[in-house]
Amino acid sequence: MLVIDPGAMTPEPDALDGAEAVLITHEHFDHFEPGRLREAVEAEPRLTVYTCPGVARRLGELGERVQVVGEGDTFTAAGFDLTVFGEKHHFSHPDAAPVDNVGFLVDNEVFHPGDALTVVDAPTVLVAGQAPWMTVPDLVAYLRTAAPCAPTPSTTV
């Protein structure tokens, strides 16, 4: 089983039970809950966490169970082929530099960008539609550019 961003707002207490791999896009609380993740790693010897440098620094005591990934990396985890895109969280405040953020393309089908507007050719994009930093114009522009599930032109005669 593969789990993506089981942060503090993930309501299922057993969301990590049986997970072989966890993908964490960035260190904000709604995507990353350190205590829950540490407990899951301790409970499941085969569980590996794949994440950006910022999250990995906060999980240093877990050693090789945490793998740092970055833009362009490809790997297989829990039976899924994964490609990493992006490097930073969407710019959201002039007084705070964006934190590390990586997005994950799963089996060339589903892209989870975390909290970034990274454009990847994928039929399904999990958009941060209710993010406090997202404006409606930014969301519309992103969806128009990313064009998930864009219909292909018909060639009927």
Protein backbone atom coordinates (compact mmCIF):
# COMPACT_ATOMS: atom_id res chain seq x y z
CA MET A 1 0.00 0.00 0.00
CA LEU A 2 1.15 3.51 -0.89
CA VAL A 3 0.09 6.55 1.20
CA ILE A 4 0.54 10.19 0.18
CA ASP A 5 0.69 13.09 2.64
CA PRO A 6 -0.98 11.62 5.75
CA GLY A 7 -0.88 14.87 7.67
CA ALA A 8 -2.65 16.06 10.80
CA MET A 9 -5.90 16.56 8.89
CA THR A 10 -6.07 12.93 7.75
CA PRO A 11 -9.03 11.70 9.80
CA GLU A 12 -8.41 7.95 9.56
CA PRO A 13 -6.32 6.84 12.55
CA ASP A 14 -5.29 3.70 10.66
CA ALA A 15 -4.29 5.47 7.42
CA LEU A 16 -0.74 4.14 7.64
CA ASP A 17 -1.58 0.59 8.74
CA GLY A 18 -0.04 -1.83 6.25
CA ALA A 19 1.69 0.87 4.22
CA GLU A 20 4.89 -0.14 2.45
CA ALA A 21 5.70 3.39 1.31
CA VAL A 22 4.72 6.90 2.32
CA LEU A 23 5.25 9.90 0.07
CA ILE A 24 5.49 13.28 1.80
CA THR A 25 5.44 16.35 -0.44
CA HIS A 26 6.43 18.94 2.18
CA GLU A 27 6.65 19.72 5.87
CA HIS A 28 3.42 21.63 6.55
CA PHE A 29 1.16 20.04 9.18
CA ASP A 30 -1.66 19.18 6.79
CA HIS A 31 0.74 17.02 4.74
CA PHE A 32 3.19 15.78 7.37
CA GLU A 33 2.58 14.69 10.96
CA PRO A 34 5.97 13.59 12.35
CA GLY A 35 4.74 11.64 15.39
CA ARG A 36 2.25 9.59 13.41
CA LEU A 37 4.88 8.82 10.78
CA ARG A 38 7.50 7.81 13.36
CA GLU A 39 5.00 5.42 14.97
CA ALA A 40 4.19 3.88 11.59
CA VAL A 41 7.86 3.36 10.73
CA GLU A 42 8.44 1.74 14.10
CA ALA A 43 5.41 -0.55 13.67
CA GLU A 44 6.14 -1.61 10.07
CA PRO A 45 9.72 -2.74 9.33
CA ARG A 46 9.29 -2.56 5.54
CA LEU A 47 7.88 0.99 5.50
CA THR A 48 10.00 3.57 3.67
CA VAL A 49 9.34 7.30 3.51
CA TYR A 50 10.14 9.20 0.29
CA THR A 51 10.30 12.95 0.66
CA CYS A 52 11.99 16.30 0.10
CA PRO A 53 15.12 17.45 1.98
CA GLY A 54 13.15 19.62 4.44
CA VAL A 55 11.04 16.74 5.73
CA ALA A 56 14.00 14.35 5.75
CA ARG A 57 15.91 16.72 8.06
CA ARG A 58 13.06 16.48 10.56
CA LEU A 59 13.17 12.66 10.44
CA GLY A 60 16.94 12.25 10.66
CA GLU A 61 16.74 9.66 13.43
CA LEU A 62 14.97 7.25 11.05
CA GLY A 63 18.12 6.87 8.94
CA GLU A 64 17.78 4.85 5.75
CA ARG A 65 14.04 4.44 6.25
CA VAL A 66 13.75 7.98 4.84
CA GLN A 67 14.80 8.50 1.25
CA VAL A 68 15.36 12.03 -0.09
CA VAL A 69 14.01 12.46 -3.60
CA GLY A 70 14.12 15.40 -5.98
CA GLU A 71 13.17 16.69 -9.39
CA GLY A 72 13.64 14.02 -12.07
CA ASP A 73 14.11 11.06 -9.74
CA THR A 74 12.31 7.85 -10.64
CA PHE A 75 11.79 4.85 -8.39
CA THR A 76 9.37 2.03 -7.61
CA ALA A 77 7.65 1.79 -4.24
CA ALA A 78 4.82 -0.47 -3.08
CA GLY A 79 4.43 -1.71 -6.66
CA PHE A 80 4.00 1.78 -8.18
CA ASP A 81 6.32 3.54 -10.60
CA LEU A 82 6.99 7.06 -9.35
CA THR A 83 8.53 10.16 -10.86
CA VAL A 84 9.37 13.26 -8.84
CA PHE A 85 8.66 16.80 -10.04
CA GLY A 86 9.21 20.21 -8.51
CA GLU A 87 11.36 21.62 -5.75
CA LYS A 88 9.53 24.33 -3.78
CA HIS A 89 6.13 25.12 -2.26
CA HIS A 90 4.03 27.73 -4.04
CA PHE A 91 5.06 31.24 -3.02
CA SER A 92 2.56 32.27 -0.37
CA HIS A 93 4.04 35.04 1.78
CA PRO A 94 6.61 37.78 1.08
CA ASP A 95 8.26 37.32 4.49
CA ALA A 96 8.74 33.56 4.30
CA ALA A 97 10.75 31.69 1.72
CA PRO A 98 8.92 28.70 0.22
CA VAL A 99 9.73 25.37 1.88
CA ASP A 100 10.89 22.33 -0.07
CA ASN A 101 8.04 20.62 -1.95
CA VAL A 102 8.15 17.69 -4.32
CA GLY A 103 5.29 16.31 -6.36
CA PHE A 104 4.80 12.65 -7.23
CA LEU A 105 3.55 11.20 -10.52
CA VAL A 106 2.15 7.73 -9.85
CA ASP A 107 2.24 5.20 -12.71
CA ASN A 108 2.13 8.08 -15.24
CA GLU A 109 -1.55 8.44 -14.32
CA VAL A 110 -2.01 10.54 -11.17
CA PHE A 111 0.02 13.58 -10.19
CA HIS A 112 0.05 14.87 -6.61
CA PRO A 113 1.86 18.25 -6.68
CA GLY A 114 1.69 18.89 -2.94
CA ASP A 115 1.28 22.64 -2.51
CA ALA A 116 2.80 23.73 -5.78
CA LEU A 117 1.57 24.57 -9.24
CA THR A 118 3.96 22.23 -11.01
CA VAL A 119 2.75 21.35 -14.49
CA VAL A 120 3.09 17.70 -15.45
CA ASP A 121 1.48 15.82 -18.33
CA ALA A 122 -0.90 13.54 -16.40
CA PRO A 123 -4.53 12.57 -16.94
CA THR A 124 -5.36 13.18 -13.27
CA VAL A 125 -4.01 15.98 -11.08
CA LEU A 126 -4.79 16.19 -7.37
CA VAL A 127 -5.12 19.96 -7.05
CA ALA A 128 -4.75 21.89 -3.81
CA GLY A 129 -8.18 23.42 -4.40
CA GLN A 130 -8.83 24.62 -0.85
CA ALA A 131 -5.36 25.81 0.04
CA PRO A 132 -5.26 29.15 1.88
CA TRP A 133 -2.56 30.38 -0.51
CA MET A 134 -4.56 29.50 -3.65
CA THR A 135 -6.60 32.11 -5.47
CA VAL A 136 -9.33 31.19 -7.92
CA PRO A 137 -7.51 32.87 -10.84
CA ASP A 138 -4.34 30.90 -10.00
CA LEU A 139 -6.34 27.66 -9.81
CA VAL A 140 -8.07 28.27 -13.16
CA ALA A 141 -4.77 29.21 -14.83
CA TYR A 142 -3.07 26.12 -13.43
CA LEU A 143 -5.83 23.78 -14.58
CA ARG A 144 -5.86 25.34 -18.04
CA THR A 145 -2.09 24.92 -18.32
CA ALA A 146 -1.89 21.43 -16.81
CA ALA A 147 -4.97 20.33 -18.78
CA PRO A 148 -5.59 17.02 -16.96
CA CYS A 149 -8.03 14.77 -18.80
CA ALA A 150 -7.90 17.09 -21.77
CA PRO A 151 -9.84 15.48 -24.60
CA THR A 152 -7.79 14.44 -27.56
CA PRO A 153 -8.93 15.77 -30.94
CA SER A 154 -11.21 13.41 -32.80
CA THR A 155 -10.06 12.17 -36.19
CA THR A 156 -13.42 10.97 -37.49
CA VAL A 157 -14.11 11.53 -41.17
